[in-house]
Amino acid sequence: MQIRPNLHLVVLPNDKYHLPVAPYNLSVDEKTSLPKVLKHLKVPNGYVSNIFRSITLKEHKLFNLKSYDYHILIEHLLPIAFGAVKDDNLVVLVCKLFNFFLSNYVQKS
């Protein structure tokens, strides 16, 4: 099929296999910098309620967010955060993906 041949398994000389990393996977440094960018981002008061208190830097997790917080996170903050850690092609792809899901969510509501 020749679909993304650069992501196919590679047979190593010692008869082991290697799976190349996909371009959308974050490295360890990027996984630690993404929550840091979100945690230290300055926004107007009342824009997002508890997003900065809901980020754990050690576990790289978000918790106790309301639906409005997730909406702002997906629509506005994650494209900024991804721009800080990845290349431009991935940022465009992620923004298009967010817009697709948000437009479908708005149409169904």
Protein backbone atom coordinates (compact mmCIF):
# COMPACT_ATOMS: atom_id res chain seq x y z
CA MET A 1 0.00 0.00 0.00
CA GLN A 2 3.00 2.30 0.53
CA ILE A 3 1.24 4.29 3.22
CA ARG A 4 3.87 6.26 5.17
CA PRO A 5 6.80 3.97 4.48
CA ASN A 6 8.97 6.01 6.85
CA LEU A 7 6.82 4.72 9.75
CA HIS A 8 7.06 1.01 8.88
CA LEU A 9 8.92 -1.48 11.05
CA VAL A 10 12.64 -1.68 10.33
CA VAL A 11 14.49 -4.98 10.71
CA LEU A 12 17.80 -4.45 12.48
CA PRO A 13 20.89 -6.56 11.76
CA ASN A 14 20.48 -8.51 15.02
CA ASP A 15 16.99 -9.74 13.91
CA LYS A 16 15.20 -7.27 16.15
CA TYR A 17 12.65 -4.74 15.03
CA HIS A 18 12.58 -0.99 15.41
CA LEU A 19 9.42 1.09 15.15
CA PRO A 20 10.23 4.68 14.10
CA VAL A 21 8.68 7.47 16.12
CA ALA A 22 5.72 9.22 14.52
CA PRO A 23 6.03 12.99 14.02
CA TYR A 24 3.17 13.72 16.41
CA ASN A 25 4.83 11.96 19.37
CA LEU A 26 6.34 14.28 21.93
CA SER A 27 9.82 13.72 23.28
CA VAL A 28 10.47 13.66 27.03
CA ASP A 29 11.61 17.29 27.00
CA GLU A 30 8.52 18.35 25.08
CA LYS A 31 6.25 16.41 27.44
CA THR A 32 7.68 18.37 30.34
CA SER A 33 7.67 21.74 28.58
CA LEU A 34 4.04 21.55 27.39
CA PRO A 35 2.50 21.67 30.92
CA LYS A 36 5.05 24.32 31.92
CA VAL A 37 3.93 26.56 29.07
CA LEU A 38 0.28 26.13 30.06
CA LYS A 39 1.01 26.60 33.76
CA HIS A 40 2.93 29.86 33.32
CA LEU A 41 0.80 31.36 30.55
CA LYS A 42 -0.62 34.78 31.47
CA VAL A 43 -4.26 35.38 30.54
CA PRO A 44 -6.83 37.98 31.65
CA ASN A 45 -8.54 37.44 34.99
CA GLY A 46 -11.69 35.32 34.64
CA TYR A 47 -10.71 34.00 31.19
CA VAL A 48 -10.16 30.45 32.40
CA SER A 49 -11.13 29.57 35.95
CA ASN A 50 -8.86 26.89 37.42
CA ILE A 51 -6.71 25.78 34.53
CA PHE A 52 -3.45 26.90 36.10
CA ARG A 53 -4.22 25.24 39.43
CA SER A 54 -5.40 22.10 37.62
CA ILE A 55 -2.07 21.24 35.98
CA THR A 56 0.38 18.87 37.64
CA LEU A 57 3.92 19.32 36.35
CA LYS A 58 5.25 16.04 37.77
CA GLU A 59 2.55 13.81 36.28
CA HIS A 60 1.88 15.95 33.15
CA LYS A 61 -1.88 15.84 33.75
CA LEU A 62 -4.90 18.12 33.76
CA PHE A 63 -7.67 17.52 36.27
CA ASN A 64 -10.93 19.08 37.58
CA LEU A 65 -11.62 21.26 34.55
CA LYS A 66 -15.09 22.39 33.54
CA SER A 67 -16.39 22.13 30.00
CA TYR A 68 -15.71 25.83 29.32
CA ASP A 69 -12.10 25.34 30.48
CA TYR A 70 -11.64 22.44 28.05
CA HIS A 71 -13.17 24.52 25.27
CA ILE A 72 -10.74 27.40 25.88
CA LEU A 73 -7.87 24.95 26.26
CA ILE A 74 -8.56 23.26 22.94
CA GLU A 75 -9.49 26.35 20.96
CA HIS A 76 -6.96 28.89 22.22
CA LEU A 77 -4.29 27.59 24.57
CA LEU A 78 -3.14 24.25 23.12
CA PRO A 79 -2.23 25.72 19.71
CA ILE A 80 -0.03 28.24 21.55
CA ALA A 81 1.51 25.53 23.71
CA PHE A 82 2.13 23.22 20.75
CA GLY A 83 3.76 26.10 18.93
CA ALA A 84 6.29 26.26 21.73
CA VAL A 85 7.27 22.61 21.50
CA LYS A 86 6.80 21.33 17.94
CA ASP A 87 7.36 22.29 14.34
CA ASP A 88 4.98 24.41 12.25
CA ASN A 89 3.50 21.52 10.26
CA LEU A 90 2.27 19.83 13.42
CA VAL A 91 0.82 23.07 14.79
CA VAL A 92 -1.19 23.57 11.60
CA LEU A 93 -2.39 19.96 11.74
CA VAL A 94 -3.43 20.21 15.39
CA CYS A 95 -5.24 23.52 14.79
CA LYS A 96 -7.15 22.03 11.86
CA LEU A 97 -8.06 19.01 13.97
CA PHE A 98 -9.30 21.21 16.83
CA ASN A 99 -11.32 23.34 14.42
CA PHE A 100 -12.89 20.22 12.89
CA PHE A 101 -14.04 18.89 16.25
CA LEU A 102 -15.20 22.30 17.45
CA SER A 103 -17.21 22.93 14.28
CA ASN A 104 -18.89 19.52 14.63
CA TYR A 105 -19.59 20.22 18.31
CA VAL A 106 -21.17 23.60 17.54
CA GLN A 107 -23.34 22.14 14.75
CA LYS A 108 -24.69 19.37 17.02
CA SER A 109 -25.42 21.70 19.95
